[in-house]
């Protein structure tokens, strides 16, 4: 499976989350997204799909190391304020 294939698959799952499903179905889709979020975020990063990378990085609650690393990447790519490099450093230390 290529990065593009993985990215497309996660996009399909994500779209399913925003349709009208009941609570249990949405919980299942949310779990699916979270289970593939580390690999999918990495794919989005490699494909320079920054908006998708941001969305997927927010789903990494069960993966604190990856979440901190990806937040550092986002802080460098999209500085939120002066001192962004310092903030990025705080994420990874």
Protein backbone atom coordinates (compact mmCIF):
# COMPACT_ATOMS: atom_id res chain seq x y z
CA UNK A 1 0.00 0.00 0.00
CA UNK A 2 1.40 3.40 -0.94
CA UNK A 3 1.22 6.55 1.19
CA UNK A 4 -1.40 7.87 -1.21
CA UNK A 5 -3.50 4.72 -0.84
CA UNK A 6 -3.35 4.99 2.94
CA UNK A 7 -4.20 8.67 2.83
CA UNK A 8 -7.20 8.00 0.56
CA UNK A 9 -8.43 5.18 2.79
CA UNK A 10 -8.32 7.35 5.90
CA UNK A 11 -10.09 10.15 4.02
CA UNK A 12 -12.91 7.72 3.20
CA UNK A 13 -13.16 6.64 6.84
CA UNK A 14 -13.11 10.29 7.95
CA UNK A 15 -15.91 11.18 5.55
CA UNK A 16 -17.96 8.34 6.99
CA UNK A 17 -17.57 9.89 10.42
CA UNK A 18 -19.28 13.08 9.27
CA UNK A 19 -22.34 11.40 7.81
CA UNK A 20 -25.44 10.67 9.81
CA UNK A 21 -24.63 7.56 11.82
CA UNK A 22 -25.85 6.71 15.26
CA UNK A 23 -23.62 7.11 18.30
CA UNK A 24 -22.29 3.52 18.25
CA UNK A 25 -21.38 3.69 14.58
CA UNK A 26 -19.55 7.00 15.10
CA UNK A 27 -17.67 5.51 18.05
CA UNK A 28 -16.54 2.62 15.86
CA UNK A 29 -15.39 4.99 13.10
CA UNK A 30 -13.58 7.18 15.66
CA UNK A 31 -11.76 4.09 16.95
CA UNK A 32 -10.79 3.13 13.39
CA UNK A 33 -9.38 6.59 12.76
CA UNK A 34 -7.44 6.56 16.01
CA UNK A 35 -6.03 3.11 15.31
CA UNK A 36 -4.49 4.18 11.99
CA UNK A 37 -3.81 7.82 12.93
CA UNK A 38 -0.01 7.45 13.47
CA UNK A 39 0.56 5.84 10.07
CA UNK A 40 -2.00 8.06 8.36
CA UNK A 41 -0.45 11.22 9.82
CA UNK A 42 2.95 10.07 8.62
CA UNK A 43 1.48 9.47 5.15
CA UNK A 44 -0.10 12.93 5.12
CA UNK A 45 3.22 14.46 6.17
CA UNK A 46 5.06 12.65 3.36
CA UNK A 47 2.45 13.80 0.86
CA UNK A 48 2.51 17.40 2.18
CA UNK A 49 -1.20 17.18 2.95
CA UNK A 50 -0.89 19.61 5.83
CA UNK A 51 -4.56 20.07 6.69
CA UNK A 52 -5.05 16.31 6.91
CA UNK A 53 -1.82 16.05 8.91
CA UNK A 54 -3.20 18.59 11.41
CA UNK A 55 -6.51 16.70 11.75
CA UNK A 56 -4.84 13.34 12.21
CA UNK A 57 -2.30 14.68 14.69
CA UNK A 58 -5.21 15.66 16.94
CA UNK A 59 -6.32 12.02 17.00
CA UNK A 60 -3.08 10.76 18.57
CA UNK A 61 -4.21 10.82 22.20
CA UNK A 62 -3.25 7.18 22.66
CA UNK A 63 0.16 7.83 21.08
CA UNK A 64 1.74 10.61 23.17
CA UNK A 65 5.24 10.34 21.67
CA UNK A 66 4.01 10.63 18.10
CA UNK A 67 1.58 13.40 19.07
CA UNK A 68 4.35 15.50 20.64
CA UNK A 69 6.66 14.92 17.69
CA UNK A 70 4.00 15.81 15.14
CA UNK A 71 3.03 18.90 17.15
CA UNK A 72 6.68 19.97 16.98
CA UNK A 73 6.64 19.48 13.20
CA UNK A 74 3.46 21.57 12.92
CA UNK A 75 4.91 24.30 15.15
CA UNK A 76 7.91 24.62 12.84
CA UNK A 77 5.85 24.40 9.63
CA UNK A 78 3.11 26.79 10.86
CA UNK A 79 4.59 29.02 13.56
CA UNK A 80 1.90 30.17 15.95
CA UNK A 81 3.94 32.94 17.50
CA UNK A 82 7.46 34.22 18.08
CA UNK A 83 9.53 31.51 19.72
CA UNK A 84 8.06 28.67 17.68
CA UNK A 85 11.33 26.77 17.67
CA UNK A 86 11.40 26.94 21.44
CA UNK A 87 7.83 25.65 21.58
CA UNK A 88 8.70 22.85 19.17
CA UNK A 89 11.66 21.95 21.37
CA UNK A 90 9.37 21.75 24.41
CA UNK A 91 7.16 19.23 22.60
CA UNK A 92 10.05 16.86 22.05
CA UNK A 93 11.91 17.16 25.34
